Amino acid sequence: MSFADIGEVRCAPGAARVFEHGWQSWSPTGVYRLDDTPPRPADGNIQTLCYRPETPVPAGSFQGEGLLAADPGDGGPVELWSAPDPLAVPSIRARRVEDRLVVSADGPVRHERVEGGLERALRRWADGLAPGHAFPAVPPMWCSWYGYFDRITEADVLENLELAARHELGADMFLIDDGYEAGIGDWLDPRPGFGSLDRAVGTVVAAGRRAGIWTAPFLVGHQSRIFGEHPEWLVRGGDAGHMWDQDLAVLDVTHPGAAEHLVGVFAALAAKGISHFKLDYLYAGALHGGRHEDLGPIEAYRRGLELIREGAGPQATLHGCGAPMLPSIGLVDVMRVGPDIAPTLHPKSGDISQPSQLGARLTSGAREFLHARWWVNDPDCILLRPEVEAREEWAAFLATTGGLRGSSDPIAALDAWGLETTRRLMVPSLAEPA
């Protein structure tokens, strides 16, 4: 759809602020002055992986996906333009014309004025879009990713299970992240060298802990077995970008065979004793392309999450990541609300959608108001081994958040300060919104 002007607001140029809400977990989100240049993708692949691919932002514009808010800076009410519901998420732009912001959108929006400042306006908006949900406290976890990346083994999981108990870290769930699987899309095929997934999960559960697993359920890597065997299960023209040294296709959840496969994968994982499912790179499910059934991208995405829930079971914890934010409302229990943390303070590309402490801190902090309103926020993992840059600042930031806490260091690599601080941060999420 083309953009049409829908309103304007007069601003005090030195005091006005604009809030941009990003499309998915990793998309930068924050508050900017009128003369700021907000974060934008470093290249086309990152536009696909971390932003909204179909609506790149023109130079000199602000843009929010489903939400754009302006504080005029003169003591007047906050002006807020937003999606009417999670099923239709317009891109909303604002361009500066002298002392005014002219607002446009590519779909229907709701406009409201809220007194009391930007934070109050955002909390009120979030309450109104998803009323009546309650999110119980989620215990802390241990995650394999930032210590072992895609070379995780069964032995690594079990070593950290034992060390977490010895050091009384309080980890209730052990999440086996990317690296156990043979290929992107081949979630039930083990990677040679990992060991036994059944044995790892069984040992975790026998120790009185919950077991978690990582998948990217809507991605199909071009090197995967499923890509070669089932081309009919793929979204026609669906380009999910390039990662893992391969191009990425999109699973068409509207195809009966693909839908049955998706349910079966999660039923099989649940049967092993897994009860926490980290669902990563979920943006792929809402990409445009030709599907077996004539469903729009957001409708198809939501159907995909419903199929995952069918397979995983009603009591399972669904944990979104890289996920379109508004379209996920009501369908996930936990949601990553910023990009990946990293041992480095700044992202290598300069683009804060990419792994870094700075990006994780800025975007997760800007979305703290969503916690316990739409889901349990996940600001990403506790990472405190000695080589982590600015680790004291990251620990201090996590202490201000109410969301999921999870250590992702090899526990044996922590020094005394890292171990003590990790133990202090490993507490359940807050059950009440701010």
Protein backbone atom coordinates (compact mmCIF):
# COMPACT_ATOMS: atom_id res chain seq x y z
CA MET A 1 0.00 0.00 0.00
CA SER A 2 1.08 3.57 -0.59
CA PHE A 3 1.48 6.07 2.24
CA ALA A 4 -1.13 8.77 2.84
CA ASP A 5 -0.89 11.76 5.17
CA ILE A 6 -3.10 11.29 8.22
CA GLY A 7 -2.22 14.13 10.57
CA GLU A 8 0.36 16.53 11.92
CA VAL A 9 1.56 17.90 15.23
CA ARG A 10 3.34 21.15 16.07
CA CYS A 11 6.52 20.63 18.07
CA ALA A 12 9.00 22.62 20.13
CA PRO A 13 12.08 21.83 17.98
CA GLY A 14 14.62 21.59 20.82
CA ALA A 15 12.38 19.67 23.23
CA ALA A 16 10.13 17.43 21.11
CA ARG A 17 10.72 13.66 21.04
CA VAL A 18 9.57 10.89 18.69
CA PHE A 19 9.18 7.25 19.75
CA GLU A 20 9.75 4.67 16.98
CA HIS A 21 8.62 1.11 17.65
CA GLY A 22 10.47 -1.50 15.59
CA TRP A 23 8.86 -4.34 13.65
CA GLN A 24 10.41 -7.31 15.42
CA SER A 25 12.52 -8.29 18.42
CA TRP A 26 15.82 -7.11 16.95
CA SER A 27 14.54 -3.93 15.27
CA PRO A 28 15.86 -0.79 17.00
CA THR A 29 13.27 0.94 19.17
CA GLY A 30 13.72 4.19 21.03
CA VAL A 31 13.09 7.89 21.57
CA TYR A 32 14.74 10.48 19.32
CA ARG A 33 15.05 14.25 19.00
CA LEU A 34 13.79 15.87 15.83
CA ASP A 35 17.32 16.38 14.51
CA ASP A 36 18.50 12.84 15.37
CA THR A 37 19.11 10.17 12.75
CA PRO A 38 17.57 6.97 14.14
CA PRO A 39 19.30 3.59 13.58
CA ARG A 40 18.88 2.10 10.11
CA PRO A 41 20.05 -1.22 8.56
CA ALA A 42 23.68 -1.53 7.54
CA ASP A 43 22.85 -3.53 4.40
CA GLY A 44 20.05 -5.28 2.52
CA ASN A 45 20.48 -8.63 4.24
CA ILE A 46 20.12 -6.99 7.66
CA GLN A 47 17.02 -5.15 6.37
CA THR A 48 15.46 -8.59 5.79
CA LEU A 49 16.77 -10.24 8.95
CA CYS A 50 16.18 -7.47 11.47
CA TYR A 51 13.85 -4.78 10.09
CA ARG A 52 10.59 -4.78 8.12
CA PRO A 53 11.80 -5.71 4.65
CA GLU A 54 8.90 -4.30 2.64
CA THR A 55 9.00 -0.77 4.06
CA PRO A 56 12.53 0.64 4.18
CA VAL A 57 12.57 4.10 5.71
CA PRO A 58 13.23 7.09 3.45
CA ALA A 59 15.98 9.47 4.53
CA GLY A 60 14.85 12.21 6.87
CA SER A 61 11.84 10.29 8.22
CA PHE A 62 10.90 8.61 11.47
CA GLN A 63 9.05 5.30 11.18
CA GLY A 64 7.27 3.02 13.64
CA GLU A 65 5.76 -0.38 12.87
CA GLY A 66 2.30 -0.36 14.39
CA LEU A 67 3.20 2.52 16.72
CA LEU A 68 4.65 6.00 16.40
CA ALA A 69 4.34 8.55 19.21
CA ALA A 70 5.32 12.20 19.41
CA ASP A 71 5.83 14.26 22.56
CA PRO A 72 5.58 17.86 21.29
CA GLY A 73 7.87 19.08 24.05
CA ASP A 74 5.68 22.00 25.08
CA GLY A 75 3.82 20.31 27.91
CA GLY A 76 0.96 19.29 25.66
CA PRO A 77 -0.40 15.76 25.30
CA VAL A 78 1.52 12.98 23.59
CA GLU A 79 0.18 12.26 20.10
CA LEU A 80 0.07 8.56 19.39
CA TRP A 81 -0.71 6.77 16.11
CA SER A 82 -1.03 3.00 16.24
CA ALA A 83 -2.41 -0.20 14.73
CA PRO A 84 -6.09 -0.75 15.52
CA ASP A 85 -5.35 -4.41 16.39
CA PRO A 86 -2.52 -6.98 16.11
CA LEU A 87 -3.86 -8.39 12.83
CA ALA A 88 -3.20 -5.24 10.79
CA VAL A 89 0.11 -3.51 11.46
CA PRO A 90 0.71 -0.42 9.33
CA SER A 91 4.03 1.33 8.93
CA ILE A 92 3.65 4.87 10.30
CA ARG A 93 6.00 7.68 9.26
CA ALA A 94 6.64 11.23 10.37
CA ARG A 95 8.62 13.83 8.44
CA ARG A 96 9.67 17.18 9.78
CA VAL A 97 8.33 20.29 8.07
CA GLU A 98 9.72 23.32 9.95
CA ASP A 99 8.09 23.17 13.42
CA ARG A 100 5.65 20.39 12.51
CA LEU A 101 5.71 16.65 12.14
CA VAL A 102 3.57 15.45 9.23
CA VAL A 103 2.41 11.86 9.82
CA SER A 104 1.55 9.30 7.14
CA ALA A 105 0.72 5.59 7.12
CA ASP A 106 0.22 2.74 4.67
CA GLY A 107 -2.89 1.42 6.41
CA PRO A 108 -5.61 2.28 8.93
CA VAL A 109 -4.41 3.73 12.24
CA ARG A 110 -5.89 4.81 15.54
CA HIS A 111 -4.97 8.27 16.82
CA GLU A 112 -5.12 9.35 20.45
CA ARG A 113 -3.82 12.11 22.69
CA VAL A 114 -2.58 11.18 26.15
CA GLU A 115 -1.68 13.55 28.96
CA GLY A 116 1.11 12.82 31.42
CA GLY A 117 4.16 12.21 29.26
CA LEU A 118 5.52 9.58 26.90
CA GLU A 119 6.00 6.71 29.37
CA ARG A 120 2.42 6.96 30.60
CA ALA A 121 1.15 7.09 27.01
CA LEU A 122 3.09 3.95 26.05
CA ARG A 123 1.91 1.98 29.09
CA ARG A 124 -1.70 3.01 28.48
CA TRP A 125 -1.46 2.06 24.81
CA ALA A 126 0.01 -1.37 25.62
CA ASP A 127 -2.73 -2.00 28.20
CA GLY A 128 -5.40 -1.08 25.67
CA LEU A 129 -4.13 -3.28 22.85
CA ALA A 130 -3.90 -6.48 24.91
CA PRO A 131 -6.13 -6.16 27.98
CA GLY A 132 -6.83 -8.87 30.50
CA HIS A 133 -3.68 -11.01 30.24
CA ALA A 134 -1.83 -12.25 33.33
CA PHE A 135 1.76 -13.51 33.22
CA PRO A 136 3.03 -15.47 36.21
CA ALA A 137 6.66 -15.15 37.27
CA VAL A 138 9.09 -17.21 35.18
CA PRO A 139 12.07 -18.79 37.00
CA PRO A 140 15.64 -18.15 35.76
CA MET A 141 17.39 -20.40 33.25
CA TRP A 142 20.77 -21.35 31.80
CA CYS A 143 21.25 -21.07 28.01
CA SER A 144 24.01 -22.65 25.95
CA TRP A 145 24.29 -20.09 23.15
CA TYR A 146 26.71 -17.39 24.28
CA GLY A 147 29.13 -19.84 25.82
CA TYR A 148 29.24 -22.52 23.13
CA PHE A 149 27.40 -21.11 20.11
CA ASP A 150 26.68 -23.78 17.47
CA ARG A 151 29.28 -26.25 18.81
CA ILE A 152 27.32 -27.14 21.94
CA THR A 153 27.51 -30.78 23.03
CA GLU A 154 25.60 -33.01 25.39
CA ALA A 155 28.63 -33.02 27.71
CA ASP A 156 28.62 -29.20 27.88
CA VAL A 157 24.97 -29.14 28.90
CA LEU A 158 25.48 -31.72 31.63
CA GLU A 159 28.64 -30.04 32.95
CA ASN A 160 26.75 -26.76 33.41
CA LEU A 161 23.79 -28.57 34.96
CA GLU A 162 26.14 -29.90 37.62
CA LEU A 163 27.97 -26.58 38.11
CA ALA A 164 24.72 -24.60 38.41
CA ALA A 165 23.65 -26.88 41.26
CA ARG A 166 27.07 -26.77 42.93
CA HIS A 167 27.17 -22.96 42.86
CA GLU A 168 23.48 -22.57 43.73
CA LEU A 169 22.65 -20.41 40.70
CA GLY A 170 18.96 -21.27 40.85
CA ALA A 171 18.59 -22.19 37.18
CA ASP A 172 15.20 -23.87 36.80
CA MET A 173 15.44 -24.53 33.05
CA PHE A 174 18.32 -25.52 30.78
CA LEU A 175 17.96 -24.31 27.22
CA ILE A 176 19.85 -26.18 24.49
CA ASP A 177 20.29 -23.52 21.82
CA ASP A 178 21.33 -23.71 18.17
CA GLY A 179 23.91 -26.40 17.42
CA TYR A 180 22.24 -29.66 18.40
CA GLU A 181 20.49 -30.01 15.01
CA ALA A 182 21.88 -31.27 11.69
CA GLY A 183 20.50 -28.39 9.64
CA ILE A 184 18.25 -25.33 9.67
CA GLY A 185 14.85 -26.96 9.24
CA ASP A 186 15.96 -30.47 10.22
CA TRP A 187 15.06 -30.11 13.89
CA LEU A 188 14.75 -33.82 14.67
CA ASP A 189 18.03 -34.80 12.99
CA PRO A 190 20.99 -34.62 15.42
CA ARG A 191 24.25 -32.91 14.49
CA PRO A 192 27.11 -35.39 14.46
CA GLY A 193 29.23 -34.54 17.45
CA PHE A 194 26.46 -33.22 19.69
CA GLY A 195 25.76 -36.50 21.44
CA SER A 196 22.30 -37.68 22.49
CA LEU A 197 19.53 -35.09 22.75
CA ASP A 198 17.31 -37.67 24.47
CA ARG A 199 19.96 -38.34 27.09
CA ALA A 200 20.70 -34.64 27.67
CA VAL A 201 17.01 -33.80 28.11
CA GLY A 202 16.41 -36.86 30.28
CA THR A 203 19.28 -35.95 32.60
CA VAL A 204 18.06 -32.36 32.97
CA VAL A 205 14.52 -33.52 33.79
CA ALA A 206 15.74 -36.24 36.17
CA ALA A 207 17.64 -33.51 38.05
CA GLY A 208 14.34 -31.75 38.73
CA ARG A 209 14.88 -29.04 36.11
CA ARG A 210 12.93 -28.14 32.99
CA ALA A 211 14.41 -28.69 29.54
CA GLY A 212 14.29 -26.14 26.73
CA ILE A 213 15.18 -26.29 23.05
CA TRP A 214 15.90 -23.79 20.28
CA THR A 215 14.38 -23.89 16.80
CA ALA A 216 13.85 -21.44 13.96
CA PRO A 217 10.57 -23.07 12.97
CA PHE A 218 9.68 -21.00 9.89
CA LEU A 219 13.14 -21.19 8.29
CA VAL A 220 14.34 -23.83 5.84
CA GLY A 221 18.02 -23.59 4.96
CA HIS A 222 18.97 -24.36 1.36
CA GLN A 223 21.47 -26.93 2.67
CA SER A 224 18.87 -28.78 4.75
CA ARG A 225 17.35 -32.15 4.06
CA ILE A 226 13.82 -30.73 4.14
CA PHE A 227 14.68 -28.15 1.46
CA GLY A 228 15.69 -30.90 -0.97
CA GLU A 229 12.89 -33.31 -0.13
CA HIS A 230 9.88 -30.96 0.12
CA PRO A 231 10.04 -27.95 -2.22
CA GLU A 232 6.22 -27.91 -2.18
CA TRP A 233 6.33 -26.92 1.51
CA LEU A 234 8.08 -23.61 0.81
CA VAL A 235 6.64 -20.12 0.34
CA ARG A 236 7.08 -19.22 -3.33
CA GLY A 237 9.47 -16.31 -3.62
CA GLY A 238 9.96 -16.27 0.14
CA ASP A 239 13.43 -14.86 0.76
CA ALA A 240 14.37 -14.91 4.45
CA GLY A 241 17.91 -13.65 3.87
CA HIS A 242 21.28 -15.32 4.30
CA MET A 243 22.68 -16.89 7.49
CA TRP A 244 24.64 -20.01 8.45
CA ASP A 245 26.51 -19.66 5.12
CA GLN A 246 23.35 -20.37 3.14
CA ASP A 247 20.25 -18.76 1.70
CA LEU A 248 17.06 -19.21 3.72
CA ALA A 249 13.62 -20.23 2.48
CA VAL A 250 10.32 -19.96 4.38
CA LEU A 251 8.11 -22.85 5.49
CA ASP A 252 4.57 -22.46 4.14
CA VAL A 253 2.44 -23.30 7.17
CA THR A 254 -0.71 -23.11 5.03
CA HIS A 255 0.37 -26.22 3.08
CA PRO A 256 -1.26 -29.30 4.69
CA GLY A 257 1.95 -31.34 4.54
CA ALA A 258 4.08 -28.56 6.02
CA ALA A 259 1.49 -27.90 8.74
CA GLU A 260 1.41 -31.58 9.71
CA HIS A 261 5.21 -31.62 9.76
CA LEU A 262 5.37 -28.53 12.00
CA VAL A 263 2.92 -29.95 14.53
CA GLY A 264 4.78 -33.25 14.47
CA VAL A 265 8.18 -31.68 15.15
CA PHE A 266 6.95 -29.97 18.30
CA ALA A 267 4.97 -32.98 19.46
CA ALA A 268 8.11 -35.11 19.09
CA LEU A 269 10.23 -32.61 21.03
CA ALA A 270 7.61 -32.37 23.76
CA ALA A 271 7.53 -36.17 23.99
CA LYS A 272 11.23 -36.10 24.90
CA GLY A 273 10.36 -34.06 27.99
CA ILE A 274 11.01 -30.57 26.59
CA SER A 275 8.61 -27.94 27.91
CA HIS A 276 10.26 -24.62 26.94
CA PHE A 277 10.53 -23.76 23.25
CA LYS A 278 12.67 -20.85 22.11
CA LEU A 279 11.29 -19.96 18.68
CA ASP A 280 13.87 -17.89 16.84
CA TYR A 281 13.97 -15.99 13.52
CA LEU A 282 10.19 -15.84 13.63
CA TYR A 283 10.15 -12.83 11.28
CA ALA A 284 10.31 -15.37 8.45
CA GLY A 285 6.74 -16.51 9.07
CA ALA A 286 5.39 -13.02 8.24
CA LEU A 287 7.34 -12.50 5.00
CA HIS A 288 5.47 -11.93 1.77
CA GLY A 289 5.32 -14.64 -0.89
CA GLY A 290 3.08 -17.18 -2.57
CA ARG A 291 1.40 -19.59 -0.16
CA HIS A 292 -0.70 -22.70 -0.70
CA GLU A 293 -3.65 -20.92 0.90
CA ASP A 294 -4.53 -17.31 0.20
CA LEU A 295 -3.59 -15.89 3.60
CA GLY A 296 -1.87 -12.59 4.27
CA PRO A 297 1.58 -12.67 5.90
CA ILE A 298 0.40 -11.77 9.41
CA GLU A 299 -2.48 -14.26 9.29
CA ALA A 300 -0.08 -16.97 8.12
CA TYR A 301 2.37 -16.08 10.86
CA ARG A 302 -0.26 -16.37 13.55
CA ARG A 303 -1.47 -19.68 12.15
CA GLY A 304 2.10 -20.97 12.33
CA LEU A 305 2.32 -20.12 16.03
CA GLU A 306 -1.02 -21.80 16.63
CA LEU A 307 0.30 -24.98 14.97
CA ILE A 308 3.39 -24.89 17.16
CA ARG A 309 1.19 -24.57 20.24
CA GLU A 310 -0.87 -27.54 19.03
CA GLY A 311 2.25 -29.69 18.84
CA ALA A 312 4.01 -28.42 21.96
CA GLY A 313 0.92 -28.62 24.14
CA PRO A 314 -1.10 -26.13 26.19
CA GLN A 315 1.28 -26.14 29.16
CA ALA A 316 4.45 -25.52 27.15
CA THR A 317 6.24 -22.17 27.32
CA LEU A 318 6.56 -20.51 23.91
CA HIS A 319 9.44 -18.04 23.80
CA GLY A 320 9.54 -15.75 20.77
CA CYS A 321 12.69 -14.21 19.32
CA GLY A 322 13.35 -12.29 16.12
CA ALA A 323 9.57 -12.10 16.14
CA PRO A 324 7.12 -9.54 14.72
CA MET A 325 5.99 -7.82 17.89
CA LEU A 326 2.33 -6.88 17.53
CA PRO A 327 1.35 -9.99 15.51
CA SER A 328 2.65 -12.19 18.36
CA ILE A 329 0.31 -10.78 21.01
CA GLY A 330 -1.63 -13.56 22.70
CA LEU A 331 0.44 -16.35 21.15
CA VAL A 332 3.76 -16.37 23.05
CA ASP A 333 4.50 -16.44 26.77
CA VAL A 334 7.99 -14.91 26.68
CA MET A 335 9.37 -12.49 24.08
CA ARG A 336 12.83 -11.22 23.31
CA VAL A 337 12.46 -7.45 23.21
CA GLY A 338 15.88 -6.47 21.84
CA PRO A 339 18.75 -7.76 19.72
CA ASP A 340 21.32 -10.31 20.87
CA ILE A 341 23.79 -9.43 23.58
CA ALA A 342 27.48 -10.01 22.72
CA PRO A 343 30.83 -9.91 24.53
CA THR A 344 31.44 -6.57 22.77
CA LEU A 345 29.90 -3.23 23.74
CA HIS A 346 29.37 -2.02 20.17
CA PRO A 347 28.12 -3.96 17.13
CA LYS A 348 30.76 -4.74 14.52
CA SER A 349 28.67 -3.22 11.72
CA GLY A 350 27.63 -0.11 13.64
CA ASP A 351 24.00 -1.25 13.30
CA ILE A 352 22.43 -1.74 16.73
CA SER A 353 20.08 -4.45 15.45
CA GLN A 354 23.21 -6.63 15.42
CA PRO A 355 24.66 -8.41 18.46
CA SER A 356 26.11 -6.02 21.03
CA GLN A 357 25.62 -4.93 24.59
CA LEU A 358 24.69 -1.41 23.49
CA GLY A 359 21.93 -2.52 21.13
CA ALA A 360 20.48 -4.99 23.61
CA ARG A 361 20.46 -2.35 26.33
CA LEU A 362 18.91 0.44 24.24
CA THR A 363 16.08 -1.49 22.58
CA SER A 364 15.22 -3.74 25.53
CA GLY A 365 15.15 -0.70 27.80
CA ALA A 366 12.83 1.15 25.43
CA ARG A 367 10.43 -1.82 25.49
CA GLU A 368 10.40 -2.42 29.23
CA PHE A 369 6.84 -1.06 29.30
CA LEU A 370 5.63 -4.21 27.50
CA HIS A 371 6.67 -6.55 30.31
CA ALA A 372 3.76 -8.40 31.98
CA ARG A 373 1.36 -6.61 29.63
CA TRP A 374 1.83 -8.60 26.42
CA TRP A 375 4.20 -11.33 27.67
CA VAL A 376 7.23 -11.80 29.91
CA ASN A 377 10.02 -9.65 28.46
CA ASP A 378 13.35 -11.26 27.62
CA PRO A 379 16.11 -8.60 27.54
CA ASP A 380 18.61 -11.40 26.72
CA CYS A 381 21.08 -13.30 28.79
CA ILE A 382 23.33 -12.60 31.74
CA LEU A 383 26.84 -12.57 30.25
CA LEU A 384 29.54 -11.77 32.79
CA ARG A 385 32.72 -13.75 32.18
CA PRO A 386 35.89 -11.64 32.45
CA GLU A 387 36.38 -10.94 28.72
CA VAL A 388 32.89 -9.38 28.35
CA GLU A 389 33.27 -5.65 27.74
CA ALA A 390 31.46 -3.31 30.15
CA ARG A 391 30.11 -6.32 32.04
CA GLU A 392 29.37 -4.21 35.13
CA GLU A 393 27.13 -1.92 33.06
CA TRP A 394 25.28 -4.90 31.54
CA ALA A 395 24.69 -6.40 34.99
CA ALA A 396 23.43 -3.04 36.27
CA PHE A 397 21.03 -2.74 33.34
CA LEU A 398 19.61 -6.24 33.85
CA ALA A 399 18.99 -5.45 37.50
CA THR A 400 16.57 -2.68 36.40
CA THR A 401 14.46 -4.99 34.22
CA GLY A 402 11.54 -7.14 35.30
CA GLY A 403 11.81 -9.85 32.69
CA LEU A 404 13.36 -13.28 32.21
CA ARG A 405 16.79 -13.85 33.71
CA GLY A 406 19.11 -16.42 32.19
CA SER A 407 22.84 -17.07 32.47
CA SER A 408 24.67 -17.95 29.24
CA ASP A 409 28.29 -18.12 30.34
CA PRO A 410 30.12 -21.41 30.68
CA ILE A 411 29.83 -21.45 34.46
CA ALA A 412 33.42 -22.67 34.82
CA ALA A 413 34.60 -19.49 33.02
CA LEU A 414 33.16 -17.11 35.63
CA ASP A 415 35.48 -15.40 38.09
CA ALA A 416 34.40 -14.64 41.66
CA TRP A 417 32.68 -11.35 40.74
CA GLY A 418 30.92 -12.93 37.76
CA LEU A 419 29.70 -15.88 39.80
CA GLU A 420 28.45 -13.74 42.67
CA THR A 421 26.71 -11.26 40.34
CA THR A 422 25.15 -14.01 38.25
CA ARG A 423 23.79 -15.63 41.41
CA ARG A 424 22.31 -12.29 42.51
CA LEU A 425 20.64 -11.66 39.13
CA MET A 426 19.17 -15.16 38.79
CA VAL A 427 15.73 -14.40 40.18
CA PRO A 428 12.22 -14.97 38.78
CA SER A 429 10.65 -12.39 36.50
CA LEU A 430 8.25 -9.86 37.98
CA ALA A 431 4.60 -10.84 37.66
CA GLU A 432 3.29 -7.26 37.64
CA PRO A 433 3.77 -4.57 34.98
CA ALA A 434 5.44 -1.28 35.79
